Amino acid sequence: MPAISGEVKPAAGRRFIIFGASQGLGGAFAKALPAAGDTVWIVSRSRPQSLELADGVHRHWIEADLASPDAGSIIAKALQGAVIDVLIYNVGIWESRGFGADYDFEKDDPQHISAILQVNLTSAITCIQKLLPNLKQSDRGKIVLIGSTAGLENNHISQVAFAASKFGLRGAANALREHLKPHAIGVTCINPGELATQMPYEAGAEAVWSAYRGAQIPLQDIVELVRCVIHLSNASCVKEINVPAMLDADA
């Protein structure tokens, strides 16, 4: 059963909820963005390793499957009305053979297409909808959506469902931004190219550069972009940031 682990205690500092933070880029966000005294709710299906860190950050796990239509309600119930300052939706699934040379859209399973759209786009919209009351309680609210260069115009990707979901996420960000302007809640969509998710965050950006020489992006680069956005004042509106790898065909 979906559940929240750990007793939630009031804590000073910034309050985050990070979706898809059990590993990869989301795991890097959960480790590196909060400071001692901050609180982080991590939404994922598997238990995040960052729960074991002893760095003064109050981390709590909300176990939820974003493929489920009621995920937003489950997460909102687990938060029990807690104030949220920063919401980061960092979730992405794609066609199972989408990055292989033999990928063929015509062989995609319709059920998998539906799952991609549900997890990457529909769940982002419905979960944010449920958590807006939490964000509106903050005087420094920010929403960051992690898209992809696959969702940009004139890209070279042939994964139809994945590209459609990331295009759609950009549209959702634009509409959310208009909806939330009266509340001074910024909405930013960051579209990275290929990330070096196979390299542990602790290895550092220089290790990624040494291994890939601009073909893949260190997780640290995206973490620093998000750090900048969430620390800007309410007067600034950062709509979108596109970050292809230096050697990407679309760079």
C-alpha atoms as a PDB file:
ATOM      1  CA  MET A   1       0.000   0.000   0.000  1.00  0.00           C
ATOM      2  CA  PRO A   2       1.291   3.497  -0.777  1.00  0.00           C
ATOM      3  CA  ALA A   3       2.483   5.104   2.431  1.00  0.00           C
ATOM      4  CA  ILE A   4       4.654   7.802   3.894  1.00  0.00           C
ATOM      5  CA  SER A   5       7.676   6.704   5.914  1.00  0.00           C
ATOM      6  CA  GLY A   6       9.149   8.622   8.800  1.00  0.00           C
ATOM      7  CA  GLU A   7       7.512  10.925  11.302  1.00  0.00           C
ATOM      8  CA  VAL A   8       7.052  14.415   9.860  1.00  0.00           C
ATOM      9  CA  LYS A   9       8.238  17.023  12.347  1.00  0.00           C
ATOM     10  CA  PRO A  10       8.099  20.781  11.933  1.00  0.00           C
ATOM     11  CA  ALA A  11      11.413  22.084  10.665  1.00  0.00           C
ATOM     12  CA  ALA A  12      12.827  25.442   9.744  1.00  0.00           C
ATOM     13  CA  GLY A  13      14.053  26.091   6.224  1.00  0.00           C
ATOM     14  CA  ARG A  14      12.779  25.349   2.761  1.00  0.00           C
ATOM     15  CA  ARG A  15      10.232  22.595   2.143  1.00  0.00           C
ATOM     16  CA  PHE A  16      10.561  20.480  -1.004  1.00  0.00           C
ATOM     17  CA  ILE A  17       8.570  17.747  -2.686  1.00  0.00           C
ATOM     18  CA  ILE A  18      10.522  15.914  -5.371  1.00  0.00           C
ATOM     19  CA  PHE A  19       8.887  13.406  -7.698  1.00  0.00           C
ATOM     20  CA  GLY A  20      10.979  10.562  -9.078  1.00  0.00           C
ATOM     21  CA  ALA A  21      13.795  11.056  -6.593  1.00  0.00           C
ATOM     22  CA  SER A  22      14.846   7.515  -5.732  1.00  0.00           C
ATOM     23  CA  GLN A  23      17.809   7.584  -8.144  1.00  0.00           C
ATOM     24  CA  GLY A  24      19.360   9.395 -11.110  1.00  0.00           C
ATOM     25  CA  LEU A  25      18.691  13.114 -11.469  1.00  0.00           C
ATOM     26  CA  GLY A  26      15.897  13.052  -8.905  1.00  0.00           C
ATOM     27  CA  GLY A  27      18.183  11.354  -6.432  1.00  0.00           C
ATOM     28  CA  ALA A  28      20.760  14.074  -7.048  1.00  0.00           C
ATOM     29  CA  PHE A  29      18.114  16.725  -6.349  1.00  0.00           C
ATOM     30  CA  ALA A  30      17.171  15.046  -3.062  1.00  0.00           C
ATOM     31  CA  LYS A  31      20.815  14.878  -1.967  1.00  0.00           C
ATOM     32  CA  ALA A  32      22.168  18.213  -3.162  1.00  0.00           C
ATOM     33  CA  LEU A  33      19.400  20.820  -3.206  1.00  0.00           C
ATOM     34  CA  PRO A  34      18.273  20.910   0.454  1.00  0.00           C
ATOM     35  CA  ALA A  35      20.410  22.307   3.245  1.00  0.00           C
ATOM     36  CA  ALA A  36      20.446  21.381   6.928  1.00  0.00           C
ATOM     37  CA  GLY A  37      17.087  22.239   8.451  1.00  0.00           C
ATOM     38  CA  ASP A  38      15.180  21.831   5.163  1.00  0.00           C
ATOM     39  CA  THR A  39      12.422  19.241   4.718  1.00  0.00           C
ATOM     40  CA  VAL A  40      12.083  17.014   1.646  1.00  0.00           C
ATOM     41  CA  TRP A  41       9.247  14.691   0.712  1.00  0.00           C
ATOM     42  CA  ILE A  42      10.438  12.169  -1.876  1.00  0.00           C
ATOM     43  CA  VAL A  43       7.806  10.589  -4.141  1.00  0.00           C
ATOM     44  CA  SER A  44       8.818   7.286  -5.714  1.00  0.00           C
ATOM     45  CA  ARG A  45       7.913   3.610  -5.965  1.00  0.00           C
ATOM     46  CA  SER A  46      11.212   2.379  -4.514  1.00  0.00           C
ATOM     47  CA  ARG A  47      12.846   3.458  -1.276  1.00  0.00           C
ATOM     48  CA  PRO A  48      15.330   6.297  -1.916  1.00  0.00           C
ATOM     49  CA  GLN A  49      18.909   5.885  -0.718  1.00  0.00           C
ATOM     50  CA  SER A  50      19.026   9.533   0.365  1.00  0.00           C
ATOM     51  CA  LEU A  51      16.875   8.643   3.386  1.00  0.00           C
ATOM     52  CA  GLU A  52      20.025   7.225   4.963  1.00  0.00           C
ATOM     53  CA  LEU A  53      21.962  10.507   4.803  1.00  0.00           C
ATOM     54  CA  ALA A  54      22.734  12.199   8.108  1.00  0.00           C
ATOM     55  CA  ASP A  55      23.173  15.787   6.944  1.00  0.00           C
ATOM     56  CA  GLY A  56      20.548  17.643   8.943  1.00  0.00           C
ATOM     57  CA  VAL A  57      17.921  17.453   6.189  1.00  0.00           C
ATOM     58  CA  HIS A  58      14.506  16.056   7.174  1.00  0.00           C
ATOM     59  CA  ARG A  59      13.721  13.548   4.411  1.00  0.00           C
ATOM     60  CA  HIS A  60      10.469  11.574   4.174  1.00  0.00           C
ATOM     61  CA  TRP A  61       9.396   9.005   1.613  1.00  0.00           C
ATOM     62  CA  ILE A  62       5.938   8.974   0.044  1.00  0.00           C
ATOM     63  CA  GLU A  63       5.540   5.650  -1.707  1.00  0.00           C
ATOM     64  CA  ALA A  64       3.334   6.185  -4.748  1.00  0.00           C
ATOM     65  CA  ASP A  65       2.945   4.839  -8.288  1.00  0.00           C
ATOM     66  CA  LEU A  66       2.523   7.759 -10.694  1.00  0.00           C
ATOM     67  CA  ALA A  67       0.940   5.430 -13.229  1.00  0.00           C
ATOM     68  CA  SER A  68      -2.088   5.312 -10.936  1.00  0.00           C
ATOM     69  CA  PRO A  69      -4.802   7.940 -11.547  1.00  0.00           C
ATOM     70  CA  ASP A  70      -5.240   8.474  -7.795  1.00  0.00           C
ATOM     71  CA  ALA A  71      -1.541   9.158  -7.090  1.00  0.00           C
ATOM     72  CA  GLY A  72      -2.188  12.863  -6.532  1.00  0.00           C
ATOM     73  CA  SER A  73      -4.804  12.199  -3.889  1.00  0.00           C
ATOM     74  CA  ILE A  74      -2.545   9.703  -2.105  1.00  0.00           C
ATOM     75  CA  ILE A  75       0.338  12.187  -2.031  1.00  0.00           C
ATOM     76  CA  ALA A  76      -1.835  15.084  -0.859  1.00  0.00           C
ATOM     77  CA  LYS A  77      -3.252  12.939   1.931  1.00  0.00           C
ATOM     78  CA  ALA A  78       0.250  11.915   3.051  1.00  0.00           C
ATOM     79  CA  LEU A  79       1.338  15.566   3.272  1.00  0.00           C
ATOM     80  CA  GLN A  80      -1.539  16.378   5.637  1.00  0.00           C
ATOM     81  CA  GLY A  81      -1.688  20.010   4.547  1.00  0.00           C
ATOM     82  CA  ALA A  82       2.029  20.717   4.967  1.00  0.00           C
ATOM     83  CA  VAL A  83       3.387  23.861   3.327  1.00  0.00           C
ATOM     84  CA  ILE A  84       5.428  23.250   0.151  1.00  0.00           C
ATOM     85  CA  ASP A  85       7.933  25.822  -1.102  1.00  0.00           C
ATOM     86  CA  VAL A  86       9.413  23.905  -4.042  1.00  0.00           C
ATOM     87  CA  LEU A  87       7.770  21.223  -6.182  1.00  0.00           C
ATOM     88  CA  ILE A  88      10.013  19.389  -8.650  1.00  0.00           C
ATOM     89  CA  TYR A  89       8.436  16.950 -11.115  1.00  0.00           C
ATOM     90  CA  ASN A  90      11.333  14.883 -12.429  1.00  0.00           C
ATOM     91  CA  VAL A  91       9.718  11.851 -14.024  1.00  0.00           C
ATOM     92  CA  GLY A  92      10.245  10.325 -17.425  1.00  0.00           C
ATOM     93  CA  ILE A  93       9.658   6.942 -18.993  1.00  0.00           C
ATOM     94  CA  TRP A  94      10.110   6.226 -22.659  1.00  0.00           C
ATOM     95  CA  GLU A  95       9.678   3.590 -25.314  1.00  0.00           C
ATOM     96  CA  SER A  96      11.489   0.438 -24.201  1.00  0.00           C
ATOM     97  CA  ARG A  97      13.764   0.345 -27.273  1.00  0.00           C
ATOM     98  CA  GLY A  98      13.462   4.032 -28.069  1.00  0.00           C
ATOM     99  CA  PHE A  99      17.168   4.812 -27.992  1.00  0.00           C
ATOM    100  CA  GLY A 100      18.220   1.741 -29.967  1.00  0.00           C
ATOM    101  CA  ALA A 101      19.133   1.736 -33.640  1.00  0.00           C
ATOM    102  CA  ASP A 102      16.342  -0.771 -34.307  1.00  0.00           C
ATOM    103  CA  TYR A 103      13.547   1.318 -32.730  1.00  0.00           C
ATOM    104  CA  ASP A 104      10.324   1.341 -34.770  1.00  0.00           C
ATOM    105  CA  PHE A 105       7.353   3.439 -33.673  1.00  0.00           C
ATOM    106  CA  GLU A 106       4.977   1.163 -35.592  1.00  0.00           C
ATOM    107  CA  LYS A 107       5.804  -1.649 -33.169  1.00  0.00           C
ATOM    108  CA  ASP A 108       5.034   0.328 -30.005  1.00  0.00           C
ATOM    109  CA  ASP A 109       2.492  -1.282 -27.695  1.00  0.00           C
ATOM    110  CA  PRO A 110      -0.583   0.996 -27.349  1.00  0.00           C
ATOM    111  CA  GLN A 111      -0.733   0.253 -23.621  1.00  0.00           C
ATOM    112  CA  HIS A 112       2.864   1.393 -23.209  1.00  0.00           C
ATOM    113  CA  ILE A 113       2.098   4.557 -25.177  1.00  0.00           C
ATOM    114  CA  SER A 114      -0.734   5.280 -22.741  1.00  0.00           C
ATOM    115  CA  ALA A 115       1.561   4.616 -19.770  1.00  0.00           C
ATOM    116  CA  ILE A 116       4.186   7.053 -21.071  1.00  0.00           C
ATOM    117  CA  LEU A 117       1.595   9.804 -21.433  1.00  0.00           C
ATOM    118  CA  GLN A 118       0.100   9.033 -18.014  1.00  0.00           C
ATOM    119  CA  VAL A 119       3.377   9.091 -16.073  1.00  0.00           C
ATOM    120  CA  ASN A 120       5.169  11.882 -17.949  1.00  0.00           C
ATOM    121  CA  LEU A 121       2.275  14.279 -18.472  1.00  0.00           C
ATOM    122  CA  THR A 122      -1.125  13.438 -17.007  1.00  0.00           C
ATOM    123  CA  SER A 123       0.262  12.603 -13.582  1.00  0.00           C
ATOM    124  CA  ALA A 124       2.281  15.830 -13.544  1.00  0.00           C
ATOM    125  CA  ILE A 125      -0.900  17.831 -14.144  1.00  0.00           C
ATOM    126  CA  THR A 126      -3.098  15.974 -11.669  1.00  0.00           C
ATOM    127  CA  CYS A 127      -0.497  15.800  -8.882  1.00  0.00           C
ATOM    128  CA  ILE A 128       0.279  19.505  -9.163  1.00  0.00           C
ATOM    129  CA  GLN A 129      -3.446  20.244  -9.137  1.00  0.00           C
ATOM    130  CA  LYS A 130      -3.810  18.385  -5.826  1.00  0.00           C
ATOM    131  CA  LEU A 131      -0.774  20.104  -4.275  1.00  0.00           C
ATOM    132  CA  LEU A 132      -1.521  23.717  -5.236  1.00  0.00           C
ATOM    133  CA  PRO A 133      -3.190  24.359  -1.841  1.00  0.00           C
ATOM    134  CA  ASN A 134       0.124  23.374  -0.207  1.00  0.00           C
ATOM    135  CA  LEU A 135       2.149  25.625  -2.525  1.00  0.00           C
ATOM    136  CA  LYS A 136      -0.181  28.586  -2.087  1.00  0.00           C
ATOM    137  CA  GLN A 137       0.624  28.605   1.637  1.00  0.00           C
ATOM    138  CA  SER A 138       4.256  29.430   0.824  1.00  0.00           C
ATOM    139  CA  ASP A 139       5.574  32.956   0.335  1.00  0.00           C
ATOM    140  CA  ARG A 140       8.333  31.635  -1.978  1.00  0.00           C
ATOM    141  CA  GLY A 141       6.621  28.966  -4.045  1.00  0.00           C
ATOM    142  CA  LYS A 142       8.338  27.494  -7.108  1.00  0.00           C
ATOM    143  CA  ILE A 143       7.439  24.675  -9.508  1.00  0.00           C
ATOM    144  CA  VAL A 144      10.155  23.098 -11.648  1.00  0.00           C
ATOM    145  CA  LEU A 145       9.221  20.612 -14.366  1.00  0.00           C
ATOM    146  CA  ILE A 146      11.996  18.513 -15.897  1.00  0.00           C
ATOM    147  CA  GLY A 147      11.263  18.120 -19.575  1.00  0.00           C
ATOM    148  CA  SER A 148      13.627  17.051 -22.337  1.00  0.00           C
ATOM    149  CA  THR A 149      15.174  18.341 -25.535  1.00  0.00           C
ATOM    150  CA  ALA A 150      12.978  15.631 -27.087  1.00  0.00           C
ATOM    151  CA  GLY A 151      10.067  17.998 -26.425  1.00  0.00           C
ATOM    152  CA  LEU A 152      11.561  20.900 -28.373  1.00  0.00           C
ATOM    153  CA  GLU A 153      10.812  21.910 -31.939  1.00  0.00           C
ATOM    154  CA  ASN A 154      13.000  20.538 -34.726  1.00  0.00           C
ATOM    155  CA  ASN A 155      14.612  17.790 -32.671  1.00  0.00           C
ATOM    156  CA  HIS A 156      15.854  14.554 -34.188  1.00  0.00           C
ATOM    157  CA  ILE A 157      13.935  12.107 -32.020  1.00  0.00           C
ATOM    158  CA  SER A 158      11.484   9.567 -33.467  1.00  0.00           C
ATOM    159  CA  GLN A 159       9.926   8.386 -30.184  1.00  0.00           C
ATOM    160  CA  VAL A 160       6.400   9.637 -30.735  1.00  0.00           C
ATOM    161  CA  ALA A 161       4.873   9.114 -27.274  1.00  0.00           C
ATOM    162  CA  PHE A 162       7.910  10.349 -25.347  1.00  0.00           C
ATOM    163  CA  ALA A 163       8.271  13.444 -27.529  1.00  0.00           C
ATOM    164  CA  ALA A 164       4.542  14.148 -27.259  1.00  0.00           C
ATOM    165  CA  SER A 165       4.624  13.866 -23.463  1.00  0.00           C
ATOM    166  CA  LYS A 166       7.528  16.308 -23.157  1.00  0.00           C
ATOM    167  CA  PHE A 167       5.973  18.748 -25.641  1.00  0.00           C
ATOM    168  CA  GLY A 168       2.837  18.536 -23.541  1.00  0.00           C
ATOM    169  CA  LEU A 169       4.740  19.198 -20.328  1.00  0.00           C
ATOM    170  CA  ARG A 170       5.947  22.492 -21.785  1.00  0.00           C
ATOM    171  CA  GLY A 171       2.356  23.432 -22.605  1.00  0.00           C
ATOM    172  CA  ALA A 172       1.255  22.528 -19.090  1.00  0.00           C
ATOM    173  CA  ALA A 173       4.040  24.727 -17.681  1.00  0.00           C
ATOM    174  CA  ASN A 174       2.892  27.697 -19.765  1.00  0.00           C
ATOM    175  CA  ALA A 175      -0.727  27.371 -18.628  1.00  0.00           C
ATOM    176  CA  LEU A 176       0.221  26.774 -14.982  1.00  0.00           C
ATOM    177  CA  ARG A 177       2.385  29.880 -15.052  1.00  0.00           C
ATOM    178  CA  GLU A 178      -0.578  31.998 -16.118  1.00  0.00           C
ATOM    179  CA  HIS A 179      -2.829  30.379 -13.533  1.00  0.00           C
ATOM    180  CA  LEU A 180      -0.354  30.989 -10.712  1.00  0.00           C
ATOM    181  CA  LYS A 181       0.783  34.518 -11.530  1.00  0.00           C
ATOM    182  CA  PRO A 182      -1.669  36.036  -9.012  1.00  0.00           C
ATOM    183  CA  HIS A 183      -0.007  33.898  -6.334  1.00  0.00           C
ATOM    184  CA  ALA A 184       3.578  34.781  -7.388  1.00  0.00           C
ATOM    185  CA  ILE A 185       4.422  31.086  -7.837  1.00  0.00           C
ATOM    186  CA  GLY A 186       7.029  30.676 -10.552  1.00  0.00           C
ATOM    187  CA  VAL A 187       6.808  27.776 -13.016  1.00  0.00           C
ATOM    188  CA  THR A 188       9.953  26.755 -14.902  1.00  0.00           C
ATOM    189  CA  CYS A 189      10.441  23.951 -17.426  1.00  0.00           C
ATOM    190  CA  ILE A 190      14.029  22.720 -17.816  1.00  0.00           C
ATOM    191  CA  ASN A 191      14.757  20.639 -20.920  1.00  0.00           C
ATOM    192  CA  PRO A 192      18.033  18.719 -20.653  1.00  0.00           C
ATOM    193  CA  GLY A 193      19.624  16.596 -23.321  1.00  0.00           C
ATOM    194  CA  GLU A 194      21.281  13.267 -22.596  1.00  0.00           C
ATOM    195  CA  LEU A 195      22.208  13.026 -18.927  1.00  0.00           C
ATOM    196  CA  ALA A 196      24.969  10.873 -17.457  1.00  0.00           C
ATOM    197  CA  THR A 197      22.577   9.153 -15.055  1.00  0.00           C
ATOM    198  CA  GLN A 198      24.766   6.040 -15.035  1.00  0.00           C
ATOM    199  CA  MET A 199      27.471   8.015 -13.203  1.00  0.00           C
ATOM    200  CA  PRO A 200      26.904   8.409  -9.452  1.00  0.00           C
ATOM    201  CA  TYR A 201      26.349  12.003  -8.396  1.00  0.00           C
ATOM    202  CA  GLU A 202      29.216  11.680  -5.941  1.00  0.00           C
ATOM    203  CA  ALA A 203      31.652  11.057  -8.820  1.00  0.00           C
ATOM    204  CA  GLY A 204      31.450  14.748  -9.735  1.00  0.00           C
ATOM    205  CA  ALA A 205      31.077  16.719 -12.955  1.00  0.00           C
ATOM    206  CA  GLU A 206      34.742  16.400 -13.924  1.00  0.00           C
ATOM    207  CA  ALA A 207      34.448  12.608 -14.040  1.00  0.00           C
ATOM    208  CA  VAL A 208      31.547  12.913 -16.485  1.00  0.00           C
ATOM    209  CA  TRP A 209      33.511  15.342 -18.654  1.00  0.00           C
ATOM    210  CA  SER A 210      36.529  13.034 -18.657  1.00  0.00           C
ATOM    211  CA  ALA A 211      34.378  10.056 -19.659  1.00  0.00           C
ATOM    212  CA  TYR A 212      32.108  11.665 -22.274  1.00  0.00           C
ATOM    213  CA  ARG A 213      33.719  14.948 -23.364  1.00  0.00           C
ATOM    214  CA  GLY A 214      30.483  16.811 -23.944  1.00  0.00           C
ATOM    215  CA  ALA A 215      28.365  13.923 -25.224  1.00  0.00           C
ATOM    216  CA  GLN A 216      26.489  13.674 -21.912  1.00  0.00           C
ATOM    217  CA  ILE A 217      25.555  16.205 -19.235  1.00  0.00           C
ATOM    218  CA  PRO A 218      26.640  15.884 -15.592  1.00  0.00           C
ATOM    219  CA  LEU A 219      23.779  15.747 -13.113  1.00  0.00           C
ATOM    220  CA  GLN A 220      25.524  18.578 -11.269  1.00  0.00           C
ATOM    221  CA  ASP A 221      24.784  20.996 -14.118  1.00  0.00           C
ATOM    222  CA  ILE A 222      21.024  20.492 -13.850  1.00  0.00           C
ATOM    223  CA  VAL A 223      21.152  20.587 -10.046  1.00  0.00           C
ATOM    224  CA  GLU A 224      22.893  23.981 -10.206  1.00  0.00           C
ATOM    225  CA  LEU A 225      20.327  25.350 -12.660  1.00  0.00           C
ATOM    226  CA  VAL A 226      17.486  24.304 -10.381  1.00  0.00           C
ATOM    227  CA  ARG A 227      19.300  25.718  -7.364  1.00  0.00           C
ATOM    228  CA  CYS A 228      19.545  29.081  -9.132  1.00  0.00           C
ATOM    229  CA  VAL A 229      15.860  29.119 -10.148  1.00  0.00           C
ATOM    230  CA  ILE A 230      14.470  28.246  -6.728  1.00  0.00           C
ATOM    231  CA  HIS A 231      16.572  30.907  -4.996  1.00  0.00           C
ATOM    232  CA  LEU A 232      15.407  33.757  -7.228  1.00  0.00           C
ATOM    233  CA  SER A 233      12.961  36.251  -5.799  1.00  0.00           C
ATOM    234  CA  ASN A 234       9.237  36.167  -6.578  1.00  0.00           C
ATOM    235  CA  ALA A 235       9.803  39.094  -8.956  1.00  0.00           C
ATOM    236  CA  SER A 236      11.585  36.884 -11.519  1.00  0.00           C
ATOM    237  CA  CYS A 237       9.900  34.582 -14.026  1.00  0.00           C
ATOM    238  CA  VAL A 238      12.149  31.957 -15.592  1.00  0.00           C
ATOM    239  CA  LYS A 239       9.937  30.294 -18.178  1.00  0.00           C
ATOM    240  CA  GLU A 240      12.157  27.713 -19.830  1.00  0.00           C
ATOM    241  CA  ILE A 241      15.779  26.576 -19.969  1.00  0.00           C
ATOM    242  CA  ASN A 242      17.051  24.335 -22.784  1.00  0.00           C
ATOM    243  CA  VAL A 243      20.253  22.399 -22.043  1.00  0.00           C
ATOM    244  CA  PRO A 244      21.446  20.110 -24.843  1.00  0.00           C
ATOM    245  CA  ALA A 245      24.743  18.319 -24.419  1.00  0.00           C
ATOM    246  CA  MET A 246      27.569  20.163 -26.144  1.00  0.00           C
ATOM    247  CA  LEU A 247      27.941  17.427 -28.791  1.00  0.00           C
ATOM    248  CA  ASP A 248      24.194  16.890 -29.223  1.00  0.00           C
ATOM    249  CA  ALA A 249      23.001  17.211 -32.819  1.00  0.00           C
ATOM    250  CA  ASP A 250      20.485  19.814 -31.633  1.00  0.00           C
ATOM    251  CA  ALA A 251      23.015  21.958 -29.728  1.00  0.00           C
END
